């Protein structure tokens, strides 16, 4: 039997983060939720998700996150991993923009 997978949505500096983790529970720190064993996509191909890369850069070496309970929006147990996201808390728009494509030459 495989470990459960959780989608954790929380607020951080005016942004909504969506991460995936294998372990979620009460923290030893009073008033905090512990999120550990973060799951990131491991891709060796040409296609790179900039949001996933940014999250991996920020949280890649993290053993456990201790999130204040009031910042946690939702914790869902899911069957499979979806796309991680960073969104603006007010508008809901994605914060990380994709790599810009070359502009069309002007005629």
N, C-alpha and C. Protein backbone atom coordinates (compact mmCIF):
# COMPACT_ATOMS: atom_id res chain seq x y z
N UNK A 1 0.84 -1.17 0.00
CA UNK A 1 0.00 0.00 0.00
C UNK A 1 0.89 1.24 0.00
N UNK A 2 0.60 2.17 -0.88
CA UNK A 2 1.42 3.38 -0.97
C UNK A 2 0.97 4.41 0.07
N UNK A 3 1.86 5.33 0.37
CA UNK A 3 1.55 6.39 1.33
C UNK A 3 0.49 7.30 0.75
N UNK A 4 -0.35 7.89 1.60
CA UNK A 4 -1.35 8.83 1.09
C UNK A 4 -0.67 10.09 0.53
N UNK A 5 -1.37 10.77 -0.37
CA UNK A 5 -0.88 12.00 -0.98
C UNK A 5 -1.85 13.12 -0.64
N UNK A 6 -1.32 14.24 -0.17
CA UNK A 6 -2.16 15.37 0.24
C UNK A 6 -1.85 16.60 -0.60
N UNK A 7 -2.90 17.31 -0.98
CA UNK A 7 -2.76 18.61 -1.62
C UNK A 7 -3.00 19.64 -0.52
N UNK A 8 -1.99 20.47 -0.25
CA UNK A 8 -2.07 21.45 0.84
C UNK A 8 -2.13 22.84 0.22
N UNK A 9 -3.18 23.58 0.55
CA UNK A 9 -3.35 24.95 0.06
C UNK A 9 -3.22 25.88 1.26
N UNK A 10 -2.31 26.87 1.15
CA UNK A 10 -2.09 27.78 2.26
C UNK A 10 -1.73 29.18 1.75
N UNK A 11 -1.93 30.17 2.63
CA UNK A 11 -1.62 31.56 2.31
C UNK A 11 -0.21 31.89 2.79
N UNK A 12 0.53 32.64 1.96
CA UNK A 12 1.89 33.05 2.30
C UNK A 12 2.20 34.36 1.59
N UNK A 13 2.34 35.44 2.34
CA UNK A 13 2.71 36.76 1.79
C UNK A 13 1.79 37.20 0.65
N UNK A 14 0.48 37.10 0.84
CA UNK A 14 -0.48 37.56 -0.15
C UNK A 14 -0.65 36.64 -1.35
N UNK A 15 -0.13 35.44 -1.23
CA UNK A 15 -0.25 34.47 -2.32
C UNK A 15 -0.80 33.16 -1.77
N UNK A 16 -1.47 32.42 -2.64
CA UNK A 16 -2.00 31.11 -2.29
C UNK A 16 -1.08 30.07 -2.91
N UNK A 17 -0.49 29.23 -2.07
CA UNK A 17 0.40 28.16 -2.53
C UNK A 17 -0.36 26.85 -2.50
N UNK A 18 -0.13 26.02 -3.51
CA UNK A 18 -0.67 24.66 -3.56
C UNK A 18 0.52 23.71 -3.71
N UNK A 19 0.76 22.92 -2.68
CA UNK A 19 1.85 21.95 -2.67
C UNK A 19 1.30 20.55 -2.44
N UNK A 20 2.09 19.56 -2.77
CA UNK A 20 1.72 18.17 -2.52
C UNK A 20 2.72 17.58 -1.53
N UNK A 21 2.19 16.78 -0.59
CA UNK A 21 3.03 16.19 0.45
C UNK A 21 2.52 14.80 0.80
N UNK A 22 3.41 13.99 1.34
CA UNK A 22 3.06 12.63 1.76
C UNK A 22 2.65 12.57 3.22
N UNK A 23 3.01 13.60 4.02
CA UNK A 23 2.71 13.55 5.44
C UNK A 23 2.21 14.91 5.92
N UNK A 24 1.05 14.91 6.57
CA UNK A 24 0.45 16.12 7.14
C UNK A 24 -0.08 15.77 8.51
N UNK A 25 0.15 16.63 9.49
CA UNK A 25 -0.36 16.37 10.83
C UNK A 25 -0.15 17.55 11.74
N UNK A 26 -0.52 17.37 12.99
CA UNK A 26 -0.30 18.41 14.00
C UNK A 26 1.18 18.54 14.27
N UNK A 27 1.64 19.76 14.37
CA UNK A 27 3.05 20.04 14.63
C UNK A 27 3.32 19.95 16.13
N UNK A 28 4.58 19.74 16.47
CA UNK A 28 4.99 19.79 17.87
C UNK A 28 4.93 21.23 18.37
N UNK A 29 4.92 22.18 17.45
CA UNK A 29 4.77 23.60 17.80
C UNK A 29 3.28 23.89 17.91
N UNK A 30 2.85 24.42 19.04
CA UNK A 30 1.44 24.68 19.28
C UNK A 30 0.88 25.67 18.27
N UNK A 31 -0.26 25.33 17.64
CA UNK A 31 -0.93 26.21 16.70
C UNK A 31 -0.44 26.09 15.27
N UNK A 32 0.39 25.09 14.98
CA UNK A 32 0.95 24.91 13.65
C UNK A 32 0.56 23.55 13.08
N UNK A 33 0.51 23.47 11.77
CA UNK A 33 0.29 22.22 11.05
C UNK A 33 1.60 21.83 10.38
N UNK A 34 2.02 20.60 10.55
CA UNK A 34 3.27 20.13 9.95
C UNK A 34 2.99 19.48 8.61
N UNK A 35 3.72 19.91 7.60
CA UNK A 35 3.63 19.35 6.25
C UNK A 35 5.02 18.86 5.88
N UNK A 36 5.16 17.56 5.63
CA UNK A 36 6.48 16.98 5.37
C UNK A 36 6.44 16.06 4.15
N UNK A 37 7.62 15.67 3.72
CA UNK A 37 7.81 14.81 2.55
C UNK A 37 7.12 15.44 1.33
N UNK A 38 7.54 16.65 1.00
CA UNK A 38 6.98 17.36 -0.15
C UNK A 38 7.26 16.60 -1.43
N UNK A 39 6.32 16.64 -2.36
CA UNK A 39 6.42 15.90 -3.62
C UNK A 39 6.51 16.90 -4.76
N UNK A 40 7.56 16.76 -5.57
CA UNK A 40 7.75 17.59 -6.76
C UNK A 40 7.89 16.69 -7.97
N UNK A 41 7.50 17.20 -9.15
CA UNK A 41 7.69 16.45 -10.38
C UNK A 41 9.18 16.36 -10.68
N UNK A 42 9.61 15.19 -11.12
CA UNK A 42 10.99 15.01 -11.54
C UNK A 42 10.95 14.74 -13.04
N UNK A 43 11.31 15.76 -13.79
CA UNK A 43 11.27 15.63 -15.24
C UNK A 43 12.63 15.96 -15.81
N UNK A 44 13.07 15.13 -16.73
CA UNK A 44 14.35 15.36 -17.37
C UNK A 44 14.18 15.84 -18.81
N UNK A 45 12.95 16.10 -19.20
CA UNK A 45 12.67 16.48 -20.58
C UNK A 45 12.88 17.95 -20.85
N UNK A 46 12.49 18.37 -22.02
CA UNK A 46 12.63 19.74 -22.46
C UNK A 46 11.58 20.63 -21.82
N UNK A 47 10.38 20.11 -21.61
CA UNK A 47 9.28 20.89 -21.07
C UNK A 47 9.45 21.07 -19.56
N UNK A 48 9.52 22.32 -19.11
CA UNK A 48 9.72 22.62 -17.69
C UNK A 48 8.58 23.52 -17.22
N UNK A 49 7.99 23.17 -16.08
CA UNK A 49 6.93 23.98 -15.49
C UNK A 49 7.59 25.02 -14.59
N UNK A 50 7.48 26.33 -14.92
CA UNK A 50 8.15 27.35 -14.12
C UNK A 50 7.65 27.43 -12.67
N UNK A 51 6.37 27.14 -12.46
CA UNK A 51 5.84 27.17 -11.09
C UNK A 51 6.46 26.05 -10.27
N UNK A 52 6.53 24.87 -10.84
CA UNK A 52 7.13 23.72 -10.14
C UNK A 52 8.60 24.00 -9.83
N UNK A 53 9.31 24.62 -10.77
CA UNK A 53 10.71 24.96 -10.55
C UNK A 53 10.87 25.97 -9.41
N UNK A 54 10.00 26.98 -9.38
CA UNK A 54 10.07 27.99 -8.33
C UNK A 54 9.78 27.37 -6.96
N UNK A 55 8.78 26.50 -6.89
CA UNK A 55 8.47 25.83 -5.63
C UNK A 55 9.60 24.91 -5.20
N UNK A 56 10.21 24.22 -6.15
CA UNK A 56 11.33 23.34 -5.83
C UNK A 56 12.52 24.16 -5.32
N UNK A 57 12.75 25.34 -5.93
CA UNK A 57 13.84 26.21 -5.47
C UNK A 57 13.58 26.70 -4.04
N UNK A 58 12.32 27.04 -3.75
CA UNK A 58 11.98 27.59 -2.44
C UNK A 58 11.90 26.51 -1.36
N UNK A 59 11.33 25.35 -1.68
CA UNK A 59 11.06 24.33 -0.67
C UNK A 59 11.80 23.01 -0.89
N UNK A 60 12.69 22.93 -1.87
CA UNK A 60 13.35 21.68 -2.22
C UNK A 60 14.14 21.04 -1.10
N UNK A 61 14.80 21.85 -0.27
CA UNK A 61 15.62 21.31 0.82
C UNK A 61 14.89 21.28 2.16
N UNK A 62 13.59 21.54 2.13
CA UNK A 62 12.79 21.61 3.36
C UNK A 62 12.41 20.20 3.83
N UNK A 63 12.73 19.89 5.08
CA UNK A 63 12.32 18.59 5.64
C UNK A 63 10.87 18.63 6.06
N UNK A 64 10.44 19.75 6.66
CA UNK A 64 9.05 19.90 7.10
C UNK A 64 8.69 21.37 7.16
N UNK A 65 7.48 21.69 6.73
CA UNK A 65 6.94 23.03 6.87
C UNK A 65 6.07 23.04 8.12
N UNK A 66 6.17 24.09 8.91
CA UNK A 66 5.29 24.27 10.06
C UNK A 66 4.46 25.51 9.75
N UNK A 67 3.25 25.29 9.30
CA UNK A 67 2.38 26.37 8.85
C UNK A 67 1.43 26.78 9.98
N UNK A 68 1.28 28.09 10.22
CA UNK A 68 0.29 28.51 11.20
C UNK A 68 -1.10 28.02 10.78
N UNK A 69 -1.87 27.50 11.73
CA UNK A 69 -3.17 26.92 11.39
C UNK A 69 -4.07 27.90 10.64
N UNK A 70 -4.00 29.19 10.97
CA UNK A 70 -4.87 30.16 10.31
C UNK A 70 -4.46 30.43 8.87
N UNK A 71 -3.25 30.03 8.44
CA UNK A 71 -2.85 30.24 7.05
C UNK A 71 -3.25 29.07 6.15
N UNK A 72 -3.62 27.93 6.75
CA UNK A 72 -4.01 26.76 5.95
C UNK A 72 -5.44 26.95 5.46
N UNK A 73 -5.59 26.90 4.15
CA UNK A 73 -6.91 27.06 3.53
C UNK A 73 -7.61 25.72 3.42
N UNK A 74 -6.86 24.71 2.95
CA UNK A 74 -7.47 23.39 2.72
C UNK A 74 -6.38 22.33 2.66
N UNK A 75 -6.73 21.14 3.13
CA UNK A 75 -5.89 19.97 2.98
C UNK A 75 -6.77 18.87 2.41
N UNK A 76 -6.38 18.36 1.23
CA UNK A 76 -7.16 17.32 0.57
C UNK A 76 -6.31 16.07 0.40
N UNK A 77 -6.89 14.91 0.64
CA UNK A 77 -6.22 13.66 0.31
C UNK A 77 -6.62 13.32 -1.12
N UNK A 78 -5.63 13.17 -2.00
CA UNK A 78 -5.90 12.98 -3.42
C UNK A 78 -5.30 11.66 -3.91
N UNK A 79 -5.79 11.22 -5.06
CA UNK A 79 -5.30 9.97 -5.66
C UNK A 79 -3.96 10.16 -6.38
N UNK A 80 -3.84 11.29 -7.11
CA UNK A 80 -2.60 11.52 -7.86
C UNK A 80 -2.25 13.00 -7.83
N UNK A 81 -1.00 13.28 -8.10
CA UNK A 81 -0.50 14.65 -8.06
C UNK A 81 -0.97 15.43 -9.28
N UNK A 82 -1.39 16.65 -9.03
CA UNK A 82 -1.73 17.58 -10.10
C UNK A 82 -0.65 18.64 -10.20
N UNK A 83 -0.98 19.73 -10.85
CA UNK A 83 -0.03 20.82 -11.01
C UNK A 83 0.04 21.65 -9.72
N UNK A 84 1.24 21.90 -9.25
CA UNK A 84 1.43 22.80 -8.11
C UNK A 84 1.20 24.22 -8.61
N UNK A 85 0.83 25.13 -7.71
CA UNK A 85 0.51 26.48 -8.16
C UNK A 85 0.88 27.52 -7.11
N UNK A 86 1.12 28.73 -7.60
CA UNK A 86 1.24 29.91 -6.76
C UNK A 86 0.32 30.94 -7.39
N UNK A 87 -0.68 31.38 -6.62
CA UNK A 87 -1.67 32.33 -7.15
C UNK A 87 -1.74 33.56 -6.26
N UNK A 88 -2.16 34.66 -6.87
CA UNK A 88 -2.41 35.87 -6.10
C UNK A 88 -3.65 35.62 -5.25
N UNK A 89 -3.60 35.98 -3.96
CA UNK A 89 -4.70 35.69 -3.05
C UNK A 89 -5.96 36.47 -3.38
N UNK A 90 -5.82 37.66 -3.97
CA UNK A 90 -6.98 38.50 -4.26
C UNK A 90 -7.61 38.14 -5.60
N UNK A 91 -6.80 38.07 -6.66
CA UNK A 91 -7.33 37.85 -8.00
C UNK A 91 -7.42 36.39 -8.39
N UNK A 92 -6.61 35.54 -7.77
CA UNK A 92 -6.59 34.13 -8.13
C UNK A 92 -5.76 33.83 -9.36
N UNK A 93 -5.12 34.85 -9.91
CA UNK A 93 -4.30 34.66 -11.11
C UNK A 93 -2.96 34.04 -10.74
N UNK A 94 -2.42 33.25 -11.66
CA UNK A 94 -1.13 32.62 -11.46
C UNK A 94 -0.06 33.70 -11.36
N UNK A 95 0.82 33.57 -10.37
CA UNK A 95 1.86 34.57 -10.15
C UNK A 95 3.05 34.32 -11.05
N UNK A 96 3.45 33.08 -11.23
CA UNK A 96 4.61 32.76 -12.05
C UNK A 96 4.17 32.73 -13.50
N UNK A 97 4.82 33.53 -14.31
CA UNK A 97 4.48 33.57 -15.73
C UNK A 97 5.36 32.61 -16.50
N UNK A 98 4.84 32.05 -17.59
CA UNK A 98 5.65 31.13 -18.39
C UNK A 98 6.81 31.86 -19.06
N UNK A 99 7.78 31.11 -19.47
CA UNK A 99 8.95 31.65 -20.17
C UNK A 99 8.48 32.38 -21.42
N UNK A 100 8.92 33.62 -21.64
CA UNK A 100 8.42 34.39 -22.80
C UNK A 100 8.90 33.78 -24.11
N UNK A 101 7.99 33.82 -25.06
CA UNK A 101 8.33 33.35 -26.41
C UNK A 101 8.93 34.51 -27.20
N UNK A 102 9.73 34.20 -28.21
CA UNK A 102 10.29 35.29 -29.01
C UNK A 102 9.17 36.07 -29.71
N UNK A 103 9.35 37.36 -29.77
CA UNK A 103 8.35 38.22 -30.41
C UNK A 103 8.39 38.02 -31.93
N UNK A 104 7.24 38.25 -32.56
CA UNK A 104 7.19 38.16 -34.01
C UNK A 104 7.93 39.36 -34.61
N UNK A 105 8.64 39.13 -35.69
CA UNK A 105 9.30 40.27 -36.34
C UNK A 105 8.25 41.23 -36.90
N UNK A 106 8.54 42.50 -36.78
CA UNK A 106 7.62 43.50 -37.30
C UNK A 106 7.74 43.60 -38.81
N UNK A 107 6.59 43.75 -39.45
CA UNK A 107 6.59 43.84 -40.91
C UNK A 107 6.60 45.28 -41.36
